[in-house]
N, C-alpha and C. Protein backbone atom coordinates (compact mmCIF):
# COMPACT_ATOMS: atom_id res chain seq x y z
N MET A 1 30.14 -91.06 -12.21
CA MET A 1 30.53 -89.68 -12.49
C MET A 1 32.02 -89.56 -12.75
N GLN A 2 32.81 -90.41 -12.12
CA GLN A 2 34.27 -90.35 -12.31
C GLN A 2 34.63 -90.55 -13.78
N GLU A 3 33.88 -91.41 -14.48
CA GLU A 3 34.16 -91.67 -15.88
C GLU A 3 34.00 -90.41 -16.73
N ILE A 4 33.03 -89.59 -16.39
CA ILE A 4 32.76 -88.38 -17.18
C ILE A 4 33.96 -87.45 -17.18
N PHE A 5 34.64 -87.36 -16.04
CA PHE A 5 35.72 -86.39 -15.89
C PHE A 5 37.11 -87.03 -15.92
N LYS A 6 37.22 -88.25 -16.45
CA LYS A 6 38.51 -88.95 -16.38
C LYS A 6 39.57 -88.33 -17.29
N ARG A 7 39.17 -87.48 -18.25
CA ARG A 7 40.15 -86.81 -19.10
C ARG A 7 40.65 -85.51 -18.47
N GLN A 8 40.12 -85.15 -17.31
CA GLN A 8 40.58 -83.97 -16.59
C GLN A 8 41.60 -84.38 -15.53
N ILE A 9 42.31 -83.40 -15.00
CA ILE A 9 43.25 -83.66 -13.91
C ILE A 9 42.45 -83.88 -12.63
N PRO A 10 42.61 -85.03 -11.97
CA PRO A 10 41.77 -85.36 -10.80
C PRO A 10 41.78 -84.30 -9.71
N GLU A 11 42.95 -83.71 -9.44
CA GLU A 11 43.02 -82.68 -8.40
C GLU A 11 42.17 -81.46 -8.76
N HIS A 12 42.12 -81.15 -10.04
CA HIS A 12 41.29 -80.04 -10.48
C HIS A 12 39.81 -80.38 -10.31
N THR A 13 39.44 -81.58 -10.72
CA THR A 13 38.05 -82.00 -10.61
C THR A 13 37.59 -82.00 -9.15
N ASP A 14 38.46 -82.39 -8.24
CA ASP A 14 38.13 -82.37 -6.81
C ASP A 14 37.84 -80.95 -6.33
N ILE A 15 38.65 -80.00 -6.79
CA ILE A 15 38.43 -78.59 -6.42
C ILE A 15 37.11 -78.09 -7.00
N PHE A 16 36.87 -78.39 -8.27
CA PHE A 16 35.65 -77.92 -8.92
C PHE A 16 34.41 -78.52 -8.26
N ARG A 17 34.49 -79.79 -7.87
CA ARG A 17 33.34 -80.47 -7.28
C ARG A 17 32.90 -79.80 -5.97
N LYS A 18 33.84 -79.21 -5.26
CA LYS A 18 33.54 -78.58 -3.97
C LYS A 18 33.13 -77.11 -4.12
N SER A 19 33.09 -76.61 -5.35
CA SER A 19 32.85 -75.18 -5.59
C SER A 19 31.39 -74.89 -5.89
N LYS A 20 30.99 -73.66 -5.55
CA LYS A 20 29.61 -73.20 -5.78
C LYS A 20 29.64 -71.93 -6.61
N ILE A 21 28.89 -71.93 -7.70
CA ILE A 21 28.83 -70.77 -8.59
C ILE A 21 27.38 -70.35 -8.80
N LEU A 22 27.15 -69.05 -8.74
CA LEU A 22 25.84 -68.47 -9.02
C LEU A 22 25.89 -67.75 -10.36
N ILE A 23 24.90 -67.98 -11.19
CA ILE A 23 24.81 -67.31 -12.49
C ILE A 23 23.58 -66.43 -12.49
N LEU A 24 23.79 -65.13 -12.72
CA LEU A 24 22.70 -64.17 -12.76
C LEU A 24 22.30 -63.94 -14.22
N GLY A 25 21.21 -64.55 -14.63
CA GLY A 25 20.75 -64.42 -16.01
C GLY A 25 20.75 -65.78 -16.70
N CYS A 26 19.63 -66.12 -17.33
CA CYS A 26 19.48 -67.43 -17.95
C CYS A 26 19.26 -67.28 -19.46
N GLY A 27 20.09 -66.40 -20.05
CA GLY A 27 20.02 -66.17 -21.49
C GLY A 27 21.20 -66.81 -22.20
N GLY A 28 21.74 -66.08 -23.19
CA GLY A 28 22.84 -66.62 -23.98
C GLY A 28 24.10 -66.87 -23.16
N LEU A 29 24.50 -65.89 -22.38
CA LEU A 29 25.68 -66.07 -21.53
C LEU A 29 25.42 -67.08 -20.42
N GLY A 30 24.27 -66.96 -19.78
CA GLY A 30 23.98 -67.80 -18.62
C GLY A 30 23.84 -69.27 -18.94
N THR A 31 23.03 -69.60 -19.95
CA THR A 31 22.81 -71.01 -20.26
C THR A 31 24.09 -71.67 -20.77
N ASN A 32 24.85 -70.95 -21.59
CA ASN A 32 26.07 -71.54 -22.14
C ASN A 32 27.17 -71.66 -21.09
N SER A 33 27.33 -70.65 -20.24
CA SER A 33 28.36 -70.76 -19.20
C SER A 33 27.99 -71.85 -18.19
N CYS A 34 26.70 -72.03 -17.94
CA CYS A 34 26.27 -73.10 -17.04
C CYS A 34 26.66 -74.47 -17.59
N PHE A 35 26.40 -74.70 -18.87
CA PHE A 35 26.79 -75.98 -19.48
C PHE A 35 28.30 -76.18 -19.42
N LEU A 36 29.04 -75.13 -19.74
CA LEU A 36 30.51 -75.23 -19.73
C LEU A 36 31.03 -75.55 -18.33
N LEU A 37 30.50 -74.90 -17.32
CA LEU A 37 30.96 -75.11 -15.95
C LEU A 37 30.53 -76.48 -15.42
N ALA A 38 29.30 -76.87 -15.72
CA ALA A 38 28.83 -78.19 -15.27
C ALA A 38 29.65 -79.31 -15.91
N LYS A 39 29.95 -79.16 -17.20
CA LYS A 39 30.74 -80.18 -17.89
C LYS A 39 32.21 -80.16 -17.49
N SER A 40 32.61 -79.12 -16.74
CA SER A 40 33.97 -79.08 -16.18
C SER A 40 34.00 -79.63 -14.76
N GLY A 41 32.81 -79.91 -14.20
CA GLY A 41 32.76 -80.57 -12.90
C GLY A 41 32.40 -79.70 -11.73
N ILE A 42 31.94 -78.45 -11.97
CA ILE A 42 31.54 -77.60 -10.85
C ILE A 42 30.44 -78.31 -10.06
N GLY A 43 30.61 -78.38 -8.74
CA GLY A 43 29.72 -79.18 -7.92
C GLY A 43 28.33 -78.61 -7.74
N THR A 44 28.23 -77.29 -7.56
CA THR A 44 26.93 -76.67 -7.33
C THR A 44 26.80 -75.40 -8.16
N ILE A 45 25.73 -75.35 -8.95
CA ILE A 45 25.46 -74.17 -9.77
C ILE A 45 24.00 -73.77 -9.56
N LYS A 46 23.80 -72.48 -9.34
CA LYS A 46 22.44 -71.95 -9.30
C LYS A 46 22.33 -70.85 -10.34
N ILE A 47 21.20 -70.82 -11.04
CA ILE A 47 20.99 -69.81 -12.06
C ILE A 47 19.63 -69.13 -11.81
N VAL A 48 19.62 -67.80 -11.84
CA VAL A 48 18.40 -67.05 -11.55
C VAL A 48 18.01 -66.14 -12.71
N ASP A 49 16.72 -66.01 -12.91
CA ASP A 49 16.17 -65.14 -13.95
C ASP A 49 14.66 -65.09 -13.73
N TYR A 50 14.00 -64.15 -14.38
CA TYR A 50 12.54 -64.05 -14.25
C TYR A 50 11.86 -63.92 -15.61
N ASP A 51 12.64 -63.98 -16.66
CA ASP A 51 12.13 -63.72 -18.01
C ASP A 51 11.52 -64.98 -18.62
N THR A 52 10.78 -64.78 -19.72
CA THR A 52 10.22 -65.90 -20.48
C THR A 52 10.93 -66.01 -21.83
N ILE A 53 10.80 -67.17 -22.45
CA ILE A 53 11.53 -67.47 -23.69
C ILE A 53 10.75 -66.95 -24.90
N GLU A 54 11.50 -66.30 -25.80
CA GLU A 54 10.95 -65.84 -27.07
C GLU A 54 11.68 -66.54 -28.21
N TYR A 55 11.07 -66.55 -29.40
CA TYR A 55 11.73 -67.18 -30.54
C TYR A 55 13.09 -66.55 -30.83
N SER A 56 13.20 -65.23 -30.58
CA SER A 56 14.46 -64.55 -30.87
C SER A 56 15.60 -64.97 -29.94
N ASN A 57 15.28 -65.71 -28.88
CA ASN A 57 16.31 -66.21 -27.98
C ASN A 57 17.00 -67.46 -28.53
N LEU A 58 16.35 -68.14 -29.45
CA LEU A 58 16.80 -69.48 -29.85
C LEU A 58 18.08 -69.47 -30.68
N ASN A 59 18.51 -68.30 -31.19
CA ASN A 59 19.73 -68.28 -32.00
C ASN A 59 21.00 -68.34 -31.16
N ARG A 60 20.88 -68.21 -29.82
CA ARG A 60 22.09 -68.19 -29.01
C ARG A 60 21.91 -68.75 -27.60
N GLN A 61 20.70 -69.12 -27.24
CA GLN A 61 20.41 -69.62 -25.90
C GLN A 61 20.01 -71.08 -25.96
N ILE A 62 20.34 -71.84 -24.94
CA ILE A 62 20.11 -73.28 -24.95
C ILE A 62 18.66 -73.59 -24.56
N TYR A 63 17.78 -73.44 -25.56
CA TYR A 63 16.37 -73.77 -25.39
C TYR A 63 15.86 -74.48 -26.64
N ARG A 64 14.69 -75.10 -26.50
CA ARG A 64 14.04 -75.79 -27.59
C ARG A 64 12.89 -74.93 -28.12
N PRO A 65 12.54 -75.05 -29.39
CA PRO A 65 11.39 -74.29 -29.91
C PRO A 65 10.12 -74.51 -29.08
N THR A 66 9.96 -75.69 -28.53
CA THR A 66 8.77 -75.99 -27.72
C THR A 66 8.79 -75.26 -26.37
N ASP A 67 9.92 -74.63 -26.03
CA ASP A 67 10.03 -73.91 -24.76
C ASP A 67 9.52 -72.47 -24.84
N VAL A 68 9.27 -71.98 -26.04
CA VAL A 68 8.84 -70.58 -26.20
C VAL A 68 7.58 -70.32 -25.36
N GLY A 69 7.64 -69.23 -24.58
CA GLY A 69 6.53 -68.87 -23.71
C GLY A 69 6.72 -69.31 -22.27
N LYS A 70 7.60 -70.28 -22.05
CA LYS A 70 7.85 -70.77 -20.69
C LYS A 70 8.82 -69.83 -19.97
N TYR A 71 8.83 -69.92 -18.65
CA TYR A 71 9.85 -69.22 -17.89
C TYR A 71 11.20 -69.86 -18.20
N LYS A 72 12.21 -69.02 -18.40
CA LYS A 72 13.52 -69.51 -18.78
C LYS A 72 14.08 -70.53 -17.79
N VAL A 73 14.01 -70.19 -16.50
CA VAL A 73 14.63 -71.08 -15.52
C VAL A 73 13.94 -72.44 -15.47
N ASP A 74 12.61 -72.47 -15.66
CA ASP A 74 11.88 -73.74 -15.63
C ASP A 74 12.28 -74.63 -16.80
N ALA A 75 12.31 -74.04 -18.00
CA ALA A 75 12.69 -74.81 -19.18
C ALA A 75 14.14 -75.25 -19.11
N PHE A 76 15.01 -74.36 -18.62
CA PHE A 76 16.43 -74.71 -18.57
C PHE A 76 16.70 -75.81 -17.55
N LYS A 77 15.95 -75.82 -16.46
CA LYS A 77 16.10 -76.90 -15.48
C LYS A 77 15.77 -78.25 -16.10
N GLU A 78 14.72 -78.30 -16.92
CA GLU A 78 14.37 -79.53 -17.61
C GLU A 78 15.51 -79.98 -18.52
N ILE A 79 16.10 -79.03 -19.24
CA ILE A 79 17.20 -79.35 -20.15
C ILE A 79 18.41 -79.84 -19.37
N CYS A 80 18.72 -79.18 -18.27
CA CYS A 80 19.86 -79.60 -17.44
C CYS A 80 19.65 -80.99 -16.87
N ASP A 81 18.43 -81.28 -16.43
CA ASP A 81 18.15 -82.61 -15.88
C ASP A 81 18.35 -83.69 -16.93
N GLU A 82 18.10 -83.35 -18.19
CA GLU A 82 18.27 -84.34 -19.26
C GLU A 82 19.73 -84.48 -19.69
N PHE A 83 20.42 -83.36 -19.88
CA PHE A 83 21.76 -83.40 -20.44
C PHE A 83 22.87 -83.37 -19.40
N LEU A 84 22.56 -82.91 -18.20
CA LEU A 84 23.58 -82.80 -17.15
C LEU A 84 23.10 -83.45 -15.85
N PRO A 85 22.66 -84.71 -15.91
CA PRO A 85 22.10 -85.35 -14.71
C PRO A 85 23.12 -85.54 -13.59
N PHE A 86 24.39 -85.44 -13.93
CA PHE A 86 25.47 -85.60 -12.95
C PHE A 86 25.75 -84.32 -12.18
N ALA A 87 25.12 -83.21 -12.59
CA ALA A 87 25.42 -81.91 -11.99
C ALA A 87 24.31 -81.49 -11.03
N ASN A 88 24.69 -80.78 -9.99
CA ASN A 88 23.74 -80.23 -9.03
C ASN A 88 23.40 -78.80 -9.44
N ILE A 89 22.35 -78.67 -10.24
CA ILE A 89 21.96 -77.36 -10.78
C ILE A 89 20.56 -77.01 -10.26
N SER A 90 20.46 -75.85 -9.64
CA SER A 90 19.17 -75.37 -9.16
C SER A 90 18.85 -74.05 -9.84
N VAL A 91 17.59 -73.69 -9.83
CA VAL A 91 17.16 -72.45 -10.49
C VAL A 91 16.21 -71.70 -9.55
N GLU A 92 16.08 -70.40 -9.80
CA GLU A 92 15.10 -69.60 -9.06
C GLU A 92 14.53 -68.55 -9.99
N ASN A 93 13.21 -68.49 -10.03
CA ASN A 93 12.51 -67.50 -10.87
C ASN A 93 12.36 -66.23 -10.05
N ILE A 94 13.29 -65.31 -10.22
CA ILE A 94 13.30 -64.09 -9.42
C ILE A 94 14.04 -62.99 -10.16
N LYS A 95 13.60 -61.76 -9.98
CA LYS A 95 14.29 -60.61 -10.55
C LYS A 95 15.31 -60.09 -9.54
N VAL A 96 16.52 -59.85 -10.00
CA VAL A 96 17.57 -59.33 -9.12
C VAL A 96 17.35 -57.84 -8.92
N THR A 97 17.26 -57.43 -7.66
CA THR A 97 17.00 -56.02 -7.33
C THR A 97 17.98 -55.56 -6.25
N GLU A 98 17.96 -54.27 -5.98
CA GLU A 98 18.81 -53.72 -4.93
C GLU A 98 18.50 -54.35 -3.58
N SER A 99 17.25 -54.70 -3.35
CA SER A 99 16.85 -55.22 -2.05
C SER A 99 17.18 -56.69 -1.83
N ASN A 100 17.40 -57.45 -2.93
CA ASN A 100 17.66 -58.88 -2.73
C ASN A 100 19.04 -59.35 -3.19
N ILE A 101 19.81 -58.47 -3.85
CA ILE A 101 21.07 -58.92 -4.44
C ILE A 101 22.07 -59.39 -3.39
N ASP A 102 22.09 -58.76 -2.23
CA ASP A 102 23.04 -59.16 -1.20
C ASP A 102 22.77 -60.58 -0.73
N GLU A 103 21.52 -60.87 -0.43
CA GLU A 103 21.16 -62.21 0.04
C GLU A 103 21.34 -63.24 -1.06
N LEU A 104 20.96 -62.88 -2.29
CA LEU A 104 21.06 -63.82 -3.42
C LEU A 104 22.50 -64.26 -3.67
N THR A 105 23.44 -63.33 -3.52
CA THR A 105 24.83 -63.62 -3.91
C THR A 105 25.70 -64.11 -2.76
N ASP A 106 25.14 -64.25 -1.58
CA ASP A 106 25.91 -64.77 -0.44
C ASP A 106 26.14 -66.28 -0.57
N GLY A 107 27.31 -66.72 -0.13
CA GLY A 107 27.58 -68.15 -0.02
C GLY A 107 28.12 -68.82 -1.26
N TYR A 108 28.50 -68.03 -2.27
CA TYR A 108 29.04 -68.61 -3.51
C TYR A 108 30.50 -68.25 -3.67
N ASP A 109 31.26 -69.16 -4.25
CA ASP A 109 32.68 -68.89 -4.50
C ASP A 109 32.84 -67.82 -5.57
N ILE A 110 31.99 -67.89 -6.59
CA ILE A 110 32.06 -66.94 -7.71
C ILE A 110 30.64 -66.67 -8.20
N VAL A 111 30.39 -65.43 -8.59
CA VAL A 111 29.12 -65.05 -9.22
C VAL A 111 29.42 -64.63 -10.65
N ILE A 112 28.63 -65.15 -11.58
CA ILE A 112 28.77 -64.78 -12.99
C ILE A 112 27.58 -63.91 -13.39
N GLU A 113 27.89 -62.71 -13.84
CA GLU A 113 26.86 -61.78 -14.33
C GLU A 113 26.62 -62.08 -15.80
N ALA A 114 25.38 -62.44 -16.13
CA ALA A 114 25.07 -62.85 -17.50
C ALA A 114 23.83 -62.14 -18.02
N PHE A 115 23.69 -60.88 -17.68
CA PHE A 115 22.55 -60.08 -18.14
C PHE A 115 22.87 -59.38 -19.46
N ASP A 116 21.82 -59.05 -20.22
CA ASP A 116 22.01 -58.18 -21.38
C ASP A 116 21.38 -56.81 -21.15
N ASP A 117 20.80 -56.61 -19.99
CA ASP A 117 20.18 -55.35 -19.62
C ASP A 117 21.21 -54.46 -18.91
N GLU A 118 21.41 -53.26 -19.42
CA GLU A 118 22.45 -52.38 -18.89
C GLU A 118 22.20 -51.99 -17.43
N TYR A 119 20.93 -51.76 -17.08
CA TYR A 119 20.63 -51.40 -15.69
C TYR A 119 20.97 -52.54 -14.74
N ALA A 120 20.59 -53.76 -15.12
CA ALA A 120 20.88 -54.92 -14.28
C ALA A 120 22.39 -55.15 -14.14
N LYS A 121 23.11 -54.97 -15.25
CA LYS A 121 24.57 -55.14 -15.21
C LYS A 121 25.19 -54.12 -14.25
N SER A 122 24.74 -52.88 -14.33
CA SER A 122 25.27 -51.82 -13.46
C SER A 122 24.94 -52.09 -12.00
N LEU A 123 23.73 -52.56 -11.75
CA LEU A 123 23.30 -52.88 -10.39
C LEU A 123 24.22 -53.93 -9.77
N VAL A 124 24.52 -54.97 -10.53
CA VAL A 124 25.38 -56.04 -10.03
C VAL A 124 26.80 -55.52 -9.80
N LEU A 125 27.33 -54.82 -10.77
CA LEU A 125 28.69 -54.31 -10.66
C LEU A 125 28.85 -53.39 -9.44
N GLU A 126 27.91 -52.50 -9.27
CA GLU A 126 27.98 -51.56 -8.14
C GLU A 126 27.90 -52.29 -6.81
N HIS A 127 27.12 -53.36 -6.76
CA HIS A 127 27.01 -54.12 -5.51
C HIS A 127 28.33 -54.77 -5.12
N PHE A 128 29.05 -55.26 -6.12
CA PHE A 128 30.28 -56.02 -5.83
C PHE A 128 31.49 -55.13 -5.54
N ILE A 129 31.46 -53.89 -5.98
CA ILE A 129 32.57 -52.99 -5.72
C ILE A 129 32.71 -52.78 -4.21
N GLY A 130 33.91 -52.99 -3.72
CA GLY A 130 34.16 -52.79 -2.30
C GLY A 130 33.82 -53.97 -1.42
N THR A 131 33.41 -55.10 -2.04
CA THR A 131 33.16 -56.32 -1.27
C THR A 131 34.28 -57.33 -1.55
N ASP A 132 34.22 -58.48 -0.88
CA ASP A 132 35.20 -59.53 -1.17
C ASP A 132 34.57 -60.66 -2.00
N LYS A 133 33.34 -60.43 -2.48
CA LYS A 133 32.68 -61.41 -3.35
C LYS A 133 33.27 -61.34 -4.75
N LYS A 134 33.48 -62.50 -5.35
CA LYS A 134 34.10 -62.56 -6.67
C LYS A 134 33.04 -62.51 -7.77
N LEU A 135 33.24 -61.60 -8.72
CA LEU A 135 32.30 -61.41 -9.82
C LEU A 135 33.03 -61.48 -11.16
N ILE A 136 32.38 -62.16 -12.12
CA ILE A 136 32.87 -62.18 -13.50
C ILE A 136 31.76 -61.61 -14.38
N SER A 137 32.06 -60.52 -15.07
CA SER A 137 31.07 -59.81 -15.86
C SER A 137 31.52 -59.72 -17.32
N VAL A 138 30.62 -59.26 -18.19
CA VAL A 138 30.91 -59.12 -19.61
C VAL A 138 30.52 -57.73 -20.07
N SER A 139 31.35 -57.15 -20.95
CA SER A 139 31.04 -55.85 -21.54
C SER A 139 31.45 -55.84 -23.01
N GLY A 140 30.47 -55.87 -23.89
CA GLY A 140 30.76 -55.77 -25.32
C GLY A 140 30.91 -57.11 -26.00
N ILE A 141 29.78 -57.65 -26.54
CA ILE A 141 29.85 -58.92 -27.28
C ILE A 141 28.99 -58.85 -28.54
N GLY A 142 28.64 -57.63 -28.95
CA GLY A 142 27.74 -57.48 -30.09
C GLY A 142 28.42 -57.69 -31.43
N GLY A 143 27.60 -57.92 -32.44
CA GLY A 143 28.10 -58.02 -33.81
C GLY A 143 28.53 -59.41 -34.20
N VAL A 144 28.90 -59.52 -35.49
CA VAL A 144 29.29 -60.81 -36.04
C VAL A 144 30.80 -60.88 -36.30
N LYS A 145 31.48 -59.75 -36.22
CA LYS A 145 32.93 -59.78 -36.39
C LYS A 145 33.58 -60.43 -35.18
N LYS A 146 34.76 -61.01 -35.39
CA LYS A 146 35.47 -61.67 -34.30
C LYS A 146 35.77 -60.66 -33.19
N LEU A 147 35.43 -61.05 -31.97
CA LEU A 147 35.66 -60.17 -30.84
C LEU A 147 37.15 -59.98 -30.55
N ASP A 148 37.51 -58.77 -30.24
CA ASP A 148 38.85 -58.51 -29.71
C ASP A 148 38.73 -58.64 -28.19
N MET A 149 38.75 -59.90 -27.72
CA MET A 149 38.45 -60.18 -26.32
C MET A 149 39.54 -59.65 -25.40
N LYS A 150 39.14 -58.83 -24.45
CA LYS A 150 40.04 -58.30 -23.44
C LYS A 150 39.56 -58.73 -22.07
N ILE A 151 40.46 -58.79 -21.12
CA ILE A 151 40.11 -59.16 -19.75
C ILE A 151 40.71 -58.13 -18.81
N LYS A 152 39.86 -57.54 -17.98
CA LYS A 152 40.32 -56.57 -17.00
C LYS A 152 39.96 -57.07 -15.60
N LYS A 153 40.95 -57.08 -14.71
CA LYS A 153 40.71 -57.52 -13.33
C LYS A 153 40.90 -56.34 -12.39
N MET A 154 39.89 -56.16 -11.53
CA MET A 154 39.93 -55.09 -10.54
C MET A 154 39.61 -55.71 -9.18
N ASN A 155 40.66 -56.17 -8.50
CA ASN A 155 40.50 -56.82 -7.20
C ASN A 155 39.59 -58.03 -7.32
N ASN A 156 38.37 -57.93 -6.80
CA ASN A 156 37.45 -59.07 -6.77
C ASN A 156 36.54 -59.15 -8.00
N ILE A 157 36.77 -58.27 -8.97
CA ILE A 157 35.90 -58.22 -10.16
C ILE A 157 36.73 -58.41 -11.42
N VAL A 158 36.25 -59.30 -12.30
CA VAL A 158 36.87 -59.48 -13.61
C VAL A 158 35.81 -59.19 -14.67
N VAL A 159 36.17 -58.37 -15.66
CA VAL A 159 35.27 -58.06 -16.76
C VAL A 159 35.94 -58.46 -18.07
N CYS A 160 35.21 -59.18 -18.92
CA CYS A 160 35.76 -59.57 -20.22
C CYS A 160 34.84 -59.08 -21.33
N GLY A 161 35.40 -58.96 -22.52
CA GLY A 161 34.66 -58.48 -23.68
C GLY A 161 35.52 -57.54 -24.50
N ASP A 162 34.93 -56.88 -25.48
CA ASP A 162 35.72 -55.91 -26.26
C ASP A 162 35.53 -54.49 -25.72
N PHE A 163 34.60 -54.31 -24.76
CA PHE A 163 34.36 -53.03 -24.09
C PHE A 163 33.88 -51.94 -25.06
N GLU A 164 33.41 -52.34 -26.23
CA GLU A 164 33.00 -51.36 -27.23
C GLU A 164 31.63 -51.67 -27.84
N THR A 165 31.47 -52.87 -28.39
CA THR A 165 30.27 -53.16 -29.18
C THR A 165 29.02 -53.23 -28.31
N LYS A 166 27.91 -52.83 -28.90
CA LYS A 166 26.61 -52.86 -28.24
C LYS A 166 25.74 -53.93 -28.89
N THR A 167 24.71 -54.31 -28.17
CA THR A 167 23.83 -55.36 -28.68
C THR A 167 22.98 -54.90 -29.86
N ASP A 168 22.92 -53.59 -30.11
CA ASP A 168 22.08 -53.10 -31.21
C ASP A 168 22.69 -53.40 -32.59
N ILE A 169 23.92 -53.92 -32.63
CA ILE A 169 24.50 -54.34 -33.92
C ILE A 169 24.33 -55.84 -34.11
N GLY A 170 23.47 -56.43 -33.32
CA GLY A 170 23.15 -57.84 -33.48
C GLY A 170 23.83 -58.72 -32.46
N LEU A 171 23.15 -59.80 -32.10
CA LEU A 171 23.71 -60.80 -31.19
C LEU A 171 23.83 -62.11 -31.94
N TYR A 172 25.05 -62.62 -32.03
CA TYR A 172 25.34 -63.83 -32.78
C TYR A 172 25.98 -64.87 -31.86
N TYR A 173 25.56 -66.11 -32.07
CA TYR A 173 25.98 -67.18 -31.17
C TYR A 173 27.49 -67.32 -31.02
N PRO A 174 28.29 -67.23 -32.09
CA PRO A 174 29.74 -67.40 -31.90
C PRO A 174 30.35 -66.42 -30.89
N ASN A 175 29.96 -65.15 -30.95
CA ASN A 175 30.53 -64.18 -30.02
C ASN A 175 29.95 -64.33 -28.61
N VAL A 176 28.66 -64.68 -28.52
CA VAL A 176 28.08 -64.94 -27.21
C VAL A 176 28.77 -66.14 -26.57
N MET A 177 28.99 -67.19 -27.36
CA MET A 177 29.66 -68.38 -26.84
C MET A 177 31.11 -68.08 -26.45
N MET A 178 31.79 -67.23 -27.23
CA MET A 178 33.16 -66.87 -26.89
C MET A 178 33.21 -66.16 -25.53
N ALA A 179 32.25 -65.28 -25.30
CA ALA A 179 32.20 -64.57 -24.03
C ALA A 179 31.86 -65.52 -22.89
N ALA A 180 30.89 -66.41 -23.10
CA ALA A 180 30.52 -67.39 -22.07
C ALA A 180 31.70 -68.31 -21.76
N SER A 181 32.41 -68.73 -22.81
CA SER A 181 33.59 -69.59 -22.61
C SER A 181 34.68 -68.86 -21.83
N THR A 182 34.86 -67.58 -22.13
CA THR A 182 35.86 -66.80 -21.40
C THR A 182 35.48 -66.67 -19.94
N GLN A 183 34.20 -66.42 -19.67
CA GLN A 183 33.75 -66.36 -18.28
C GLN A 183 34.02 -67.68 -17.56
N ALA A 184 33.72 -68.78 -18.21
CA ALA A 184 33.92 -70.10 -17.60
C ALA A 184 35.40 -70.37 -17.34
N ILE A 185 36.25 -70.04 -18.30
CA ILE A 185 37.69 -70.26 -18.14
C ILE A 185 38.23 -69.41 -16.98
N ILE A 186 37.80 -68.16 -16.91
CA ILE A 186 38.23 -67.30 -15.81
C ILE A 186 37.80 -67.90 -14.47
N ALA A 187 36.55 -68.37 -14.41
CA ALA A 187 36.03 -68.95 -13.16
C ALA A 187 36.84 -70.18 -12.75
N LEU A 188 37.10 -71.08 -13.68
CA LEU A 188 37.83 -72.30 -13.36
C LEU A 188 39.25 -71.99 -12.87
N ASN A 189 39.91 -71.07 -13.56
CA ASN A 189 41.27 -70.72 -13.15
C ASN A 189 41.30 -69.98 -11.82
N TRP A 190 40.30 -69.17 -11.57
CA TRP A 190 40.20 -68.45 -10.29
C TRP A 190 40.06 -69.45 -9.15
N LEU A 191 39.24 -70.47 -9.36
CA LEU A 191 39.06 -71.51 -8.34
C LEU A 191 40.35 -72.26 -8.09
N LEU A 192 41.08 -72.56 -9.15
CA LEU A 192 42.36 -73.27 -8.99
C LEU A 192 43.38 -72.41 -8.26
N GLU A 193 43.43 -71.13 -8.60
CA GLU A 193 44.36 -70.22 -7.93
C GLU A 193 44.04 -70.11 -6.43
N GLU A 194 42.75 -70.02 -6.12
CA GLU A 194 42.34 -69.89 -4.72
C GLU A 194 42.68 -71.14 -3.92
N ASN A 195 42.69 -72.27 -4.60
CA ASN A 195 42.95 -73.55 -3.93
C ASN A 195 44.35 -74.08 -4.23
N ASN A 196 45.23 -73.19 -4.74
CA ASN A 196 46.61 -73.55 -5.08
C ASN A 196 46.69 -74.71 -6.07
N GLY A 197 45.69 -74.82 -6.92
CA GLY A 197 45.72 -75.85 -7.95
C GLY A 197 46.66 -75.47 -9.07
N ARG A 198 47.10 -76.45 -9.80
CA ARG A 198 48.02 -76.21 -10.92
C ARG A 198 47.43 -76.82 -12.18
């Protein structure tokens, strides 16, 4: 495993290896941010979702055409085991609700909100307000034009996106990937700051 991360700063890799991140949602944001974080050396990642794969997911989510109809977390675990065998990635097929969100999000250094459903996004955001749990969320990644990516930090919550576009103007892989990459970069830097990394 050391060979995989030898182009990174060893002190950073040590911090990342000891970190735990939870990803809520196994779609475009979730699958891509998981790959980015695992390939950066995050030691433990869990991703939760309850949805199944449709053909319309394949333009921006890390799935195979043969996965259509399967539960997202089951198919994604297979993909992770093949492409990221060095990473400790677990999945859970569950819907995030008011009654389980507290227990689900306990014990993680950072939680990444990766839903495209407005109700689910609001549920997560409202839960984290007033807590000391760290959340990274996204608002506005629709369309094919280059995103005017903004980052807003409110104590324990960071939100990135253009804060304007809606998904009804189309979802395109470049902008979804830009948002997932921004979430991953924020998470990595947050971990370094918390551990006095440079």
